[in-house]
C-alpha atoms as a PDB file:
ATOM      1  CA  UNK A   1     -10.468 -22.711 -39.009  1.00  0.00           C
ATOM      2  CA  UNK A   2      -8.895 -19.844 -41.417  1.00  0.00           C
ATOM      3  CA  UNK A   3      -5.354 -18.626 -41.380  1.00  0.00           C
ATOM      4  CA  UNK A   4      -6.268 -15.711 -39.481  1.00  0.00           C
ATOM      5  CA  UNK A   5      -7.493 -17.925 -36.589  1.00  0.00           C
ATOM      6  CA  UNK A   6      -4.548 -20.257 -36.653  1.00  0.00           C
ATOM      7  CA  UNK A   7      -2.534 -16.701 -35.698  1.00  0.00           C
ATOM      8  CA  UNK A   8      -4.853 -15.628 -32.980  1.00  0.00           C
ATOM      9  CA  UNK A   9      -4.857 -19.044 -31.778  1.00  0.00           C
ATOM     10  CA  UNK A  10      -0.627 -18.772 -31.958  1.00  0.00           C
ATOM     11  CA  UNK A  11      -1.171 -15.949 -29.779  1.00  0.00           C
ATOM     12  CA  UNK A  12      -3.520 -17.104 -27.445  1.00  0.00           C
ATOM     13  CA  UNK A  13      -1.716 -17.721 -23.806  1.00  0.00           C
ATOM     14  CA  UNK A  14      -2.132 -21.620 -23.219  1.00  0.00           C
ATOM     15  CA  UNK A  15      -3.536 -21.113 -19.274  1.00  0.00           C
ATOM     16  CA  UNK A  16      -5.111 -24.594 -19.138  1.00  0.00           C
ATOM     17  CA  UNK A  17      -5.948 -24.577 -15.589  1.00  0.00           C
ATOM     18  CA  UNK A  18      -7.995 -24.556 -12.707  1.00  0.00           C
ATOM     19  CA  UNK A  19      -9.833 -21.532 -11.092  1.00  0.00           C
ATOM     20  CA  UNK A  20     -12.680 -20.403  -8.977  1.00  0.00           C
ATOM     21  CA  UNK A  21     -14.455 -16.992  -9.055  1.00  0.00           C
ATOM     22  CA  UNK A  22     -16.869 -16.206  -6.137  1.00  0.00           C
ATOM     23  CA  UNK A  23     -18.623 -13.177  -4.499  1.00  0.00           C
ATOM     24  CA  UNK A  24     -18.739 -13.675  -0.496  1.00  0.00           C
ATOM     25  CA  UNK A  25     -22.056 -12.767   0.617  1.00  0.00           C
ATOM     26  CA  UNK A  26     -21.085 -11.599   4.069  1.00  0.00           C
ATOM     27  CA  UNK A  27     -18.207  -9.243   3.387  1.00  0.00           C
ATOM     28  CA  UNK A  28     -19.025  -8.454  -0.174  1.00  0.00           C
ATOM     29  CA  UNK A  29     -15.331  -9.120  -1.207  1.00  0.00           C
ATOM     30  CA  UNK A  30     -14.812 -10.588  -4.798  1.00  0.00           C
ATOM     31  CA  UNK A  31     -12.106 -12.952  -5.583  1.00  0.00           C
ATOM     32  CA  UNK A  32     -10.616 -15.471  -8.186  1.00  0.00           C
ATOM     33  CA  UNK A  33      -7.779 -18.026  -7.439  1.00  0.00           C
ATOM     34  CA  UNK A  34      -6.340 -20.173 -10.003  1.00  0.00           C
ATOM     35  CA  UNK A  35      -3.728 -22.501 -10.206  1.00  0.00           C
ATOM     36  CA  UNK A  36      -1.987 -24.260 -13.275  1.00  0.00           C
ATOM     37  CA  UNK A  37       0.914 -25.790 -14.926  1.00  0.00           C
ATOM     38  CA  UNK A  38       1.658 -22.668 -16.836  1.00  0.00           C
ATOM     39  CA  UNK A  39       4.438 -19.912 -15.755  1.00  0.00           C
ATOM     40  CA  UNK A  40       2.814 -17.040 -14.116  1.00  0.00           C
ATOM     41  CA  UNK A  41      -0.738 -17.962 -14.436  1.00  0.00           C
ATOM     42  CA  UNK A  42      -2.089 -15.010 -12.413  1.00  0.00           C
ATOM     43  CA  UNK A  43      -0.566 -12.369 -14.926  1.00  0.00           C
ATOM     44  CA  UNK A  44      -3.331 -13.753 -17.595  1.00  0.00           C
ATOM     45  CA  UNK A  45      -6.178 -15.656 -15.769  1.00  0.00           C
ATOM     46  CA  UNK A  46      -7.293 -13.164 -13.011  1.00  0.00           C
ATOM     47  CA  UNK A  47      -8.959 -10.277 -13.188  1.00  0.00           C
ATOM     48  CA  UNK A  48     -11.273  -7.911 -10.232  1.00  0.00           C
ATOM     49  CA  UNK A  49     -12.338  -4.871  -9.505  1.00  0.00           C
ATOM     50  CA  UNK A  50     -13.920  -3.952  -5.925  1.00  0.00           C
ATOM     51  CA  UNK A  51     -17.983  -3.409  -6.143  1.00  0.00           C
ATOM     52  CA  UNK A  52     -17.668  -4.419  -9.561  1.00  0.00           C
ATOM     53  CA  UNK A  53     -16.833  -8.351 -10.404  1.00  0.00           C
ATOM     54  CA  UNK A  54     -14.012 -10.698 -10.973  1.00  0.00           C
ATOM     55  CA  UNK A  55     -13.007 -12.861 -13.701  1.00  0.00           C
ATOM     56  CA  UNK A  56     -11.454 -15.602 -14.813  1.00  0.00           C
ATOM     57  CA  UNK A  57     -10.107 -15.993 -18.659  1.00  0.00           C
ATOM     58  CA  UNK A  58      -8.366 -19.420 -19.299  1.00  0.00           C
ATOM     59  CA  UNK A  59      -7.960 -22.405 -21.625  1.00  0.00           C
ATOM     60  CA  UNK A  60      -6.620 -20.802 -25.026  1.00  0.00           C
ATOM     61  CA  UNK A  61      -6.872 -17.106 -23.233  1.00  0.00           C
ATOM     62  CA  UNK A  62      -8.126 -14.280 -24.577  1.00  0.00           C
ATOM     63  CA  UNK A  63      -7.182 -11.571 -21.614  1.00  0.00           C
ATOM     64  CA  UNK A  64      -9.342  -8.887 -23.154  1.00  0.00           C
ATOM     65  CA  UNK A  65     -12.382 -11.276 -21.656  1.00  0.00           C
ATOM     66  CA  UNK A  66     -10.878  -9.932 -18.285  1.00  0.00           C
ATOM     67  CA  UNK A  67     -10.912  -5.888 -19.089  1.00  0.00           C
ATOM     68  CA  UNK A  68     -13.938  -5.855 -21.540  1.00  0.00           C
ATOM     69  CA  UNK A  69     -15.645  -8.126 -18.839  1.00  0.00           C
ATOM     70  CA  UNK A  70     -15.053  -5.646 -15.709  1.00  0.00           C
ATOM     71  CA  UNK A  71     -15.773  -2.696 -17.961  1.00  0.00           C
ATOM     72  CA  UNK A  72     -19.678  -4.299 -19.165  1.00  0.00           C
ATOM     73  CA  UNK A  73     -20.161  -5.195 -15.318  1.00  0.00           C
ATOM     74  CA  UNK A  74     -19.107  -1.359 -14.202  1.00  0.00           C
ATOM     75  CA  UNK A  75     -21.335  -0.150 -16.575  1.00  0.00           C
ATOM     76  CA  UNK A  76     -24.334  -1.985 -14.987  1.00  0.00           C
ATOM     77  CA  UNK A  77     -24.352  -5.339 -16.844  1.00  0.00           C
ATOM     78  CA  UNK A  78     -24.959  -8.332 -14.764  1.00  0.00           C
ATOM     79  CA  UNK A  79     -22.159 -11.356 -15.295  1.00  0.00           C
ATOM     80  CA  UNK A  80     -24.404 -13.630 -17.512  1.00  0.00           C
ATOM     81  CA  UNK A  81     -24.903 -10.505 -19.979  1.00  0.00           C
ATOM     82  CA  UNK A  82     -21.403  -9.381 -19.901  1.00  0.00           C
ATOM     83  CA  UNK A  83     -19.985 -12.861 -21.024  1.00  0.00           C
ATOM     84  CA  UNK A  84     -22.843 -13.884 -23.235  1.00  0.00           C
ATOM     85  CA  UNK A  85     -22.071 -10.754 -25.325  1.00  0.00           C
ATOM     86  CA  UNK A  86     -18.668 -11.110 -25.478  1.00  0.00           C
ATOM     87  CA  UNK A  87     -18.784 -14.496 -26.301  1.00  0.00           C
ATOM     88  CA  UNK A  88     -21.275 -14.299 -29.258  1.00  0.00           C
ATOM     89  CA  UNK A  89     -18.647 -11.632 -30.509  1.00  0.00           C
ATOM     90  CA  UNK A  90     -16.286 -14.215 -30.199  1.00  0.00           C
ATOM     91  CA  UNK A  91     -15.094 -16.079 -33.527  1.00  0.00           C
ATOM     92  CA  UNK A  92     -13.070 -18.532 -31.341  1.00  0.00           C
ATOM     93  CA  UNK A  93     -15.314 -19.248 -28.478  1.00  0.00           C
ATOM     94  CA  UNK A  94     -15.184 -22.579 -28.885  1.00  0.00           C
ATOM     95  CA  UNK A  95     -11.368 -22.703 -27.216  1.00  0.00           C
ATOM     96  CA  UNK A  96     -12.412 -20.266 -24.706  1.00  0.00           C
ATOM     97  CA  UNK A  97     -13.007 -21.061 -21.310  1.00  0.00           C
ATOM     98  CA  UNK A  98     -14.506 -18.142 -18.759  1.00  0.00           C
ATOM     99  CA  UNK A  99     -16.246 -17.550 -15.830  1.00  0.00           C
ATOM    100  CA  UNK A 100     -17.364 -14.021 -14.167  1.00  0.00           C
ATOM    101  CA  UNK A 101     -19.640 -13.099 -11.020  1.00  0.00           C
ATOM    102  CA  UNK A 102     -20.560  -9.499 -10.533  1.00  0.00           C
ATOM    103  CA  UNK A 103     -21.078  -7.358  -7.072  1.00  0.00           C
ATOM    104  CA  UNK A 104     -24.932  -8.676  -6.989  1.00  0.00           C
ATOM    105  CA  UNK A 105     -23.285 -12.452  -6.718  1.00  0.00           C
ATOM    106  CA  UNK A 106     -24.748 -13.497 -10.387  1.00  0.00           C
ATOM    107  CA  UNK A 107     -22.549 -15.929 -11.751  1.00  0.00           C
ATOM    108  CA  UNK A 108     -21.696 -16.998 -15.629  1.00  0.00           C
ATOM    109  CA  UNK A 109     -19.593 -19.349 -17.216  1.00  0.00           C
ATOM    110  CA  UNK A 110     -18.461 -20.849 -20.739  1.00  0.00           C
ATOM    111  CA  UNK A 111     -16.542 -23.800 -21.455  1.00  0.00           C
ATOM    112  CA  UNK A 112     -15.713 -23.859 -25.600  1.00  0.00           C
ATOM    113  CA  UNK A 113     -16.539 -27.133 -27.077  1.00  0.00           C
ATOM    114  CA  UNK A 114     -12.986 -27.368 -28.423  1.00  0.00           C
ATOM    115  CA  UNK A 115     -11.444 -26.970 -24.809  1.00  0.00           C
ATOM    116  CA  UNK A 116      -8.912 -29.819 -24.086  1.00  0.00           C
ATOM    117  CA  UNK A 117     -10.698 -32.464 -21.921  1.00  0.00           C
ATOM    118  CA  UNK A 118     -11.108 -33.513 -19.104  1.00  0.00           C
ATOM    119  CA  UNK A 119     -12.810 -29.728 -19.259  1.00  0.00           C
ATOM    120  CA  UNK A 120     -15.985 -28.090 -17.332  1.00  0.00           C
ATOM    121  CA  UNK A 121     -17.576 -25.868 -14.901  1.00  0.00           C
ATOM    122  CA  UNK A 122     -20.656 -26.210 -12.264  1.00  0.00           C
ATOM    123  CA  UNK A 123     -22.009 -22.783 -11.033  1.00  0.00           C
ATOM    124  CA  UNK A 124     -23.675 -22.261  -7.341  1.00  0.00           C
ATOM    125  CA  UNK A 125     -24.785 -19.261  -5.428  1.00  0.00           C
ATOM    126  CA  UNK A 126     -22.195 -16.788  -6.012  1.00  0.00           C
ATOM    127  CA  UNK A 127     -19.355 -18.530  -7.345  1.00  0.00           C
ATOM    128  CA  UNK A 128     -18.427 -20.836 -10.439  1.00  0.00           C
ATOM    129  CA  UNK A 129     -15.425 -23.222 -10.632  1.00  0.00           C
ATOM    130  CA  UNK A 130     -14.289 -24.265 -14.056  1.00  0.00           C
ATOM    131  CA  UNK A 131     -11.088 -26.341 -14.996  1.00  0.00           C
ATOM    132  CA  UNK A 132      -9.871 -28.139 -18.323  1.00  0.00           C
ATOM    133  CA  UNK A 133      -6.858 -30.395 -19.431  1.00  0.00           C
ATOM    134  CA  UNK A 134      -7.317 -32.062 -15.941  1.00  0.00           C
ATOM    135  CA  UNK A 135      -5.773 -35.719 -15.249  1.00  0.00           C
ATOM    136  CA  UNK A 136      -9.902 -36.433 -14.379  1.00  0.00           C
ATOM    137  CA  UNK A 137     -13.515 -34.967 -14.788  1.00  0.00           C
ATOM    138  CA  UNK A 138     -14.255 -34.719 -11.316  1.00  0.00           C
ATOM    139  CA  UNK A 139     -11.777 -32.058 -10.618  1.00  0.00           C
ATOM    140  CA  UNK A 140     -14.628 -28.934 -10.533  1.00  0.00           C
ATOM    141  CA  UNK A 141     -17.483 -30.886  -9.165  1.00  0.00           C
ATOM    142  CA  UNK A 142     -14.937 -31.378  -5.998  1.00  0.00           C
ATOM    143  CA  UNK A 143     -13.760 -27.472  -6.051  1.00  0.00           C
ATOM    144  CA  UNK A 144     -17.290 -26.864  -5.849  1.00  0.00           C
ATOM    145  CA  UNK A 145     -18.014 -28.644  -2.802  1.00  0.00           C
ATOM    146  CA  UNK A 146     -14.999 -28.121  -1.101  1.00  0.00           C
ATOM    147  CA  UNK A 147     -15.922 -24.339  -1.569  1.00  0.00           C
ATOM    148  CA  UNK A 148     -19.553 -24.629  -0.481  1.00  0.00           C
ATOM    149  CA  UNK A 149     -18.372 -26.366   2.570  1.00  0.00           C
ATOM    150  CA  UNK A 150     -15.228 -24.484   3.480  1.00  0.00           C
ATOM    151  CA  UNK A 151     -15.415 -21.749   6.401  1.00  0.00           C
ATOM    152  CA  UNK A 152     -13.827 -18.466   7.412  1.00  0.00           C
ATOM    153  CA  UNK A 153     -12.724 -15.758   4.810  1.00  0.00           C
ATOM    154  CA  UNK A 154     -13.001 -15.810   1.114  1.00  0.00           C
ATOM    155  CA  UNK A 155      -9.446 -16.383   0.818  1.00  0.00           C
ATOM    156  CA  UNK A 156      -9.866 -19.325   2.924  1.00  0.00           C
ATOM    157  CA  UNK A 157     -12.640 -20.896   0.786  1.00  0.00           C
ATOM    158  CA  UNK A 158     -10.986 -20.106  -2.408  1.00  0.00           C
ATOM    159  CA  UNK A 159      -7.754 -21.851  -1.322  1.00  0.00           C
ATOM    160  CA  UNK A 160      -9.939 -24.717  -0.071  1.00  0.00           C
ATOM    161  CA  UNK A 161     -11.138 -25.242  -3.741  1.00  0.00           C
ATOM    162  CA  UNK A 162      -7.730 -25.115  -5.185  1.00  0.00           C
ATOM    163  CA  UNK A 163      -6.461 -27.715  -2.580  1.00  0.00           C
ATOM    164  CA  UNK A 164      -9.646 -30.273  -3.503  1.00  0.00           C
ATOM    165  CA  UNK A 165      -8.746 -29.735  -7.349  1.00  0.00           C
ATOM    166  CA  UNK A 166      -5.289 -30.759  -7.074  1.00  0.00           C
ATOM    167  CA  UNK A 167      -5.405 -33.465  -4.201  1.00  0.00           C
ATOM    168  CA  UNK A 168      -8.298 -34.871  -7.201  1.00  0.00           C
ATOM    169  CA  UNK A 169      -5.675 -35.001  -9.858  1.00  0.00           C
ATOM    170  CA  UNK A 170      -5.286 -31.189 -11.149  1.00  0.00           C
ATOM    171  CA  UNK A 171      -3.872 -30.379 -14.215  1.00  0.00           C
ATOM    172  CA  UNK A 172      -2.612 -33.339 -16.337  1.00  0.00           C
ATOM    173  CA  UNK A 173       0.630 -31.823 -16.768  1.00  0.00           C
ATOM    174  CA  UNK A 174       1.158 -31.263 -13.043  1.00  0.00           C
ATOM    175  CA  UNK A 175       1.538 -27.949 -11.310  1.00  0.00           C
ATOM    176  CA  UNK A 176       3.576 -24.493 -11.759  1.00  0.00           C
ATOM    177  CA  UNK A 177       2.066 -21.465 -10.835  1.00  0.00           C
ATOM    178  CA  UNK A 178      -0.978 -19.772  -8.581  1.00  0.00           C
ATOM    179  CA  UNK A 179      -2.600 -16.893  -7.896  1.00  0.00           C
ATOM    180  CA  UNK A 180      -5.310 -15.352  -5.492  1.00  0.00           C
ATOM    181  CA  UNK A 181      -6.905 -11.812  -6.042  1.00  0.00           C
ATOM    182  CA  UNK A 182      -9.350 -10.285  -3.549  1.00  0.00           C
ATOM    183  CA  UNK A 183     -11.004  -6.924  -3.781  1.00  0.00           C
ATOM    184  CA  UNK A 184     -13.243  -5.695  -1.477  1.00  0.00           C
ATOM    185  CA  UNK A 185     -16.819  -5.433  -1.902  1.00  0.00           C
ATOM    186  CA  UNK A 186     -17.009  -1.379  -2.341  1.00  0.00           C
ATOM    187  CA  UNK A 187     -14.732   0.273  -4.635  1.00  0.00           C
ATOM    188  CA  UNK A 188     -13.011   3.662  -2.688  1.00  0.00           C
ATOM    189  CA  UNK A 189     -11.829   5.091  -6.291  1.00  0.00           C
ATOM    190  CA  UNK A 190      -8.625   3.726  -5.146  1.00  0.00           C
ATOM    191  CA  UNK A 191      -7.815   0.518  -6.498  1.00  0.00           C
ATOM    192  CA  UNK A 192      -4.404   0.207  -4.703  1.00  0.00           C
ATOM    193  CA  UNK A 193      -6.601   0.494  -1.339  1.00  0.00           C
ATOM    194  CA  UNK A 194      -9.554  -2.081  -2.279  1.00  0.00           C
ATOM    195  CA  UNK A 195      -7.145  -5.253  -3.179  1.00  0.00           C
ATOM    196  CA  UNK A 196      -7.590  -7.536  -0.226  1.00  0.00           C
ATOM    197  CA  UNK A 197      -4.999  -9.992  -1.394  1.00  0.00           C
ATOM    198  CA  UNK A 198      -3.122 -10.096  -4.566  1.00  0.00           C
ATOM    199  CA  UNK A 199      -0.608 -13.102  -4.199  1.00  0.00           C
ATOM    200  CA  UNK A 200       1.162 -14.631  -7.099  1.00  0.00           C
ATOM    201  CA  UNK A 201       3.499 -17.716  -7.597  1.00  0.00           C
ATOM    202  CA  UNK A 202       4.776 -17.766 -10.746  1.00  0.00           C
ATOM    203  CA  UNK A 203       7.063 -20.653 -10.863  1.00  0.00           C
ATOM    204  CA  UNK A 204       7.352 -23.193  -7.739  1.00  0.00           C
ATOM    205  CA  UNK A 205       7.278 -26.753  -7.486  1.00  0.00           C
ATOM    206  CA  UNK A 206       4.450 -26.805  -5.050  1.00  0.00           C
ATOM    207  CA  UNK A 207       2.796 -23.254  -5.839  1.00  0.00           C
ATOM    208  CA  UNK A 208      -0.208 -24.072  -3.533  1.00  0.00           C
ATOM    209  CA  UNK A 209       1.923 -24.520  -0.797  1.00  0.00           C
ATOM    210  CA  UNK A 210       3.725 -21.296  -1.205  1.00  0.00           C
ATOM    211  CA  UNK A 211       0.785 -19.510  -2.198  1.00  0.00           C
ATOM    212  CA  UNK A 212      -0.788 -20.260   1.342  1.00  0.00           C
ATOM    213  CA  UNK A 213       2.592 -18.895   2.861  1.00  0.00           C
ATOM    214  CA  UNK A 214       2.060 -15.896   1.077  1.00  0.00           C
ATOM    215  CA  UNK A 215      -1.872 -15.512   2.274  1.00  0.00           C
ATOM    216  CA  UNK A 216      -0.480 -15.821   5.805  1.00  0.00           C
ATOM    217  CA  UNK A 217       2.212 -13.152   5.110  1.00  0.00           C
ATOM    218  CA  UNK A 218      -0.282 -10.909   3.571  1.00  0.00           C
ATOM    219  CA  UNK A 219      -2.882 -11.472   6.134  1.00  0.00           C
ATOM    220  CA  UNK A 220       0.004 -10.497   8.999  1.00  0.00           C
ATOM    221  CA  UNK A 221       0.551  -7.317   7.066  1.00  0.00           C
ATOM    222  CA  UNK A 222      -3.194  -6.672   7.208  1.00  0.00           C
ATOM    223  CA  UNK A 223      -2.928  -6.513  10.903  1.00  0.00           C
ATOM    224  CA  UNK A 224       0.228  -4.287  11.142  1.00  0.00           C
ATOM    225  CA  UNK A 225      -1.603  -2.049   8.849  1.00  0.00           C
ATOM    226  CA  UNK A 226      -4.641  -1.900  11.195  1.00  0.00           C
ATOM    227  CA  UNK A 227      -2.191  -1.355  13.943  1.00  0.00           C
ATOM    228  CA  UNK A 228      -0.278   1.443  12.301  1.00  0.00           C
ATOM    229  CA  UNK A 229      -3.583   3.115  11.782  1.00  0.00           C
ATOM    230  CA  UNK A 230      -4.843   2.587  15.266  1.00  0.00           C
ATOM    231  CA  UNK A 231      -1.494   4.393  16.199  1.00  0.00           C
ATOM    232  CA  UNK A 232      -2.424   7.389  14.271  1.00  0.00           C
ATOM    233  CA  UNK A 233      -5.837   7.726  15.661  1.00  0.00           C
ATOM    234  CA  UNK A 234      -4.530   7.309  19.392  1.00  0.00           C
ATOM    235  CA  UNK A 235      -5.964   3.896  19.997  1.00  0.00           C
ATOM    236  CA  UNK A 236      -3.196   2.066  21.477  1.00  0.00           C
ATOM    237  CA  UNK A 237      -5.180  -0.842  22.888  1.00  0.00           C
ATOM    238  CA  UNK A 238      -5.913  -1.882  19.001  1.00  0.00           C
ATOM    239  CA  UNK A 239      -2.567  -0.958  18.522  1.00  0.00           C
ATOM    240  CA  UNK A 240      -1.306  -3.489  20.600  1.00  0.00           C
ATOM    241  CA  UNK A 241      -4.299  -6.302  19.750  1.00  0.00           C
ATOM    242  CA  UNK A 242      -3.594  -5.931  16.044  1.00  0.00           C
ATOM    243  CA  UNK A 243       0.100  -6.209  16.410  1.00  0.00           C
ATOM    244  CA  UNK A 244       0.094  -9.391  18.442  1.00  0.00           C
ATOM    245  CA  UNK A 245      -2.154 -10.739  15.846  1.00  0.00           C
ATOM    246  CA  UNK A 246       0.361  -9.716  13.375  1.00  0.00           C
ATOM    247  CA  UNK A 247       3.221 -11.410  15.461  1.00  0.00           C
ATOM    248  CA  UNK A 248       1.619 -14.538  16.288  1.00  0.00           C
ATOM    249  CA  UNK A 249       1.082 -15.036  12.446  1.00  0.00           C
ATOM    250  CA  UNK A 250       4.872 -14.034  11.523  1.00  0.00           C
ATOM    251  CA  UNK A 251       6.852 -15.102  14.419  1.00  0.00           C
ATOM    252  CA  UNK A 252       9.976 -14.985  13.058  1.00  0.00           C
ATOM    253  CA  UNK A 253       9.610 -11.321  10.810  1.00  0.00           C
ATOM    254  CA  UNK A 254      11.372  -8.845  12.866  1.00  0.00           C
ATOM    255  CA  UNK A 255       9.285  -6.119  10.756  1.00  0.00           C
ATOM    256  CA  UNK A 256       6.523  -6.801  13.061  1.00  0.00           C
ATOM    257  CA  UNK A 257       8.141  -6.933  16.171  1.00  0.00           C
ATOM    258  CA  UNK A 258      10.016  -3.414  15.456  1.00  0.00           C
ATOM    259  CA  UNK A 259       6.966  -1.283  14.698  1.00  0.00           C
ATOM    260  CA  UNK A 260       4.980  -2.984  17.437  1.00  0.00           C
ATOM    261  CA  UNK A 261       8.192  -1.886  19.773  1.00  0.00           C
ATOM    262  CA  UNK A 262       7.953   1.571  18.304  1.00  0.00           C
ATOM    263  CA  UNK A 263       4.180   2.304  18.667  1.00  0.00           C
ATOM    264  CA  UNK A 264       4.774   1.258  22.395  1.00  0.00           C
ATOM    265  CA  UNK A 265       7.596   3.607  22.704  1.00  0.00           C
ATOM    266  CA  UNK A 266       5.529   6.261  21.125  1.00  0.00           C
ATOM    267  CA  UNK A 267       2.645   5.701  23.599  1.00  0.00           C
ATOM    268  CA  UNK A 268       4.545   6.392  26.537  1.00  0.00           C
ATOM    269  CA  UNK A 269       5.170   2.244  27.503  1.00  0.00           C
ATOM    270  CA  UNK A 270       9.059   2.743  27.263  1.00  0.00           C
ATOM    271  CA  UNK A 271      10.236  -0.299  29.191  1.00  0.00           C
ATOM    272  CA  UNK A 272       7.855  -2.454  26.861  1.00  0.00           C
ATOM    273  CA  UNK A 273       9.195  -0.944  23.828  1.00  0.00           C
ATOM    274  CA  UNK A 274      12.771  -0.964  24.752  1.00  0.00           C
ATOM    275  CA  UNK A 275      12.342  -4.503  25.304  1.00  0.00           C
ATOM    276  CA  UNK A 276      10.697  -5.656  21.912  1.00  0.00           C
ATOM    277  CA  UNK A 277      13.420  -3.474  20.394  1.00  0.00           C
ATOM    278  CA  UNK A 278      16.112  -5.254  22.449  1.00  0.00           C
ATOM    279  CA  UNK A 279      15.055  -8.774  21.277  1.00  0.00           C
ATOM    280  CA  UNK A 280      15.043  -7.227  17.622  1.00  0.00           C
ATOM    281  CA  UNK A 281      18.262  -5.650  17.698  1.00  0.00           C
ATOM    282  CA  UNK A 282      19.707  -8.849  19.360  1.00  0.00           C
ATOM    283  CA  UNK A 283      19.367 -10.463  16.167  1.00  0.00           C
ATOM    284  CA  UNK A 284      20.280  -7.678  13.822  1.00  0.00           C
ATOM    285  CA  UNK A 285      21.408  -4.419  15.419  1.00  0.00           C
ATOM    286  CA  UNK A 286      20.542  -2.691  12.097  1.00  0.00           C
ATOM    287  CA  UNK A 287      16.896  -1.943  13.505  1.00  0.00           C
ATOM    288  CA  UNK A 288      18.476  -0.240  16.165  1.00  0.00           C
ATOM    289  CA  UNK A 289      20.173   1.796  13.692  1.00  0.00           C
ATOM    290  CA  UNK A 290      16.679   2.524  11.591  1.00  0.00           C
ATOM    291  CA  UNK A 291      15.129   3.576  14.714  1.00  0.00           C
ATOM    292  CA  UNK A 292      17.471   5.867  15.298  1.00  0.00           C
ATOM    293  CA  UNK A 293      16.964   7.585  11.979  1.00  0.00           C
ATOM    294  CA  UNK A 294      13.062   7.701  12.359  1.00  0.00           C
ATOM    295  CA  UNK A 295      12.166  11.505  12.028  1.00  0.00           C
ATOM    296  CA  UNK A 296      10.328  12.513  15.415  1.00  0.00           C
ATOM    297  CA  UNK A 297       6.745  12.171  13.954  1.00  0.00           C
ATOM    298  CA  UNK A 298       7.726   8.747  13.720  1.00  0.00           C
ATOM    299  CA  UNK A 299       9.531   8.255  16.991  1.00  0.00           C
ATOM    300  CA  UNK A 300       8.860  10.766  19.355  1.00  0.00           C
ATOM    301  CA  UNK A 301      11.341   9.266  21.763  1.00  0.00           C
ATOM    302  CA  UNK A 302      13.197  11.746  24.655  1.00  0.00           C
ATOM    303  CA  UNK A 303      16.769  12.184  24.523  1.00  0.00           C
ATOM    304  CA  UNK A 304      17.449   9.504  27.159  1.00  0.00           C
ATOM    305  CA  UNK A 305      15.402   7.062  25.668  1.00  0.00           C
ATOM    306  CA  UNK A 306      17.145   7.395  22.062  1.00  0.00           C
ATOM    307  CA  UNK A 307      20.564   7.045  23.961  1.00  0.00           C
ATOM    308  CA  UNK A 308      19.290   3.820  25.103  1.00  0.00           C
ATOM    309  CA  UNK A 309      17.943   2.738  21.778  1.00  0.00           C
ATOM    310  CA  UNK A 310      21.694   3.722  20.487  1.00  0.00           C
ATOM    311  CA  UNK A 311      23.327   1.350  23.182  1.00  0.00           C
ATOM    312  CA  UNK A 312      21.614  -1.391  21.336  1.00  0.00           C
ATOM    313  CA  UNK A 313      23.095  -0.124  17.953  1.00  0.00           C
END
């Protein structure tokens, strides 16, 4: 190893970890999930772009595998071709571990010969699992089986793979951070809208427990956004249904209940809306004050209803 190699080695994040990249054949969603005993693992390992692909770059990390891998797949390269080209041009590929999946579900993975044992990967239909510096060499095989046997949305299956890895011993050093990044199957040209899940736990004693909680919160807010969108269309049946789903997921979050109540008021269901606002304001009167500050396009209540809200504040 040359002096220049040693310098590059010293600049590489030490994200020894386990991860999964996958494409859901039903929705077309593309995702990557990771856990490690490394601070803020999601800031270096996880890469994904809607309608393009997903990348996990780890071990002695070269982050450019993420950006360049997505660039190549966006240009029409398959995941195997994209990864093959990047590995062949990397003089330090023996310390890298990288996996990619493209928008057609083609997968590729590379585990360098000098990645720290236990290390390896398994590829399957539309997914790849990979790990290095594990307690046992059985970690990535059980991840593959857990992913294949899991049911539900892509996020549920990714979490099942992470849980299986941790149960098998996971990172030999323990645990510190985790991340899940999932994007939609079609690219709208608005990357901020194409993210389905983008949650990270940068430092926690039990990162997988916390990432599961954050996925639950993200799922609830997704239902809330669907409810608000339905309100704009005048579809109040969907509005109520989506808000009920959000509230059931996060029963202690007043945000869901507040906007549900506002929507009911806007739909003319005054008593139902006031009941919900009353419950929320009973815990914190600032929510009633906020309702009074909403402009008419957000709360189209008459003076009598506004007076009732004022009494709650």
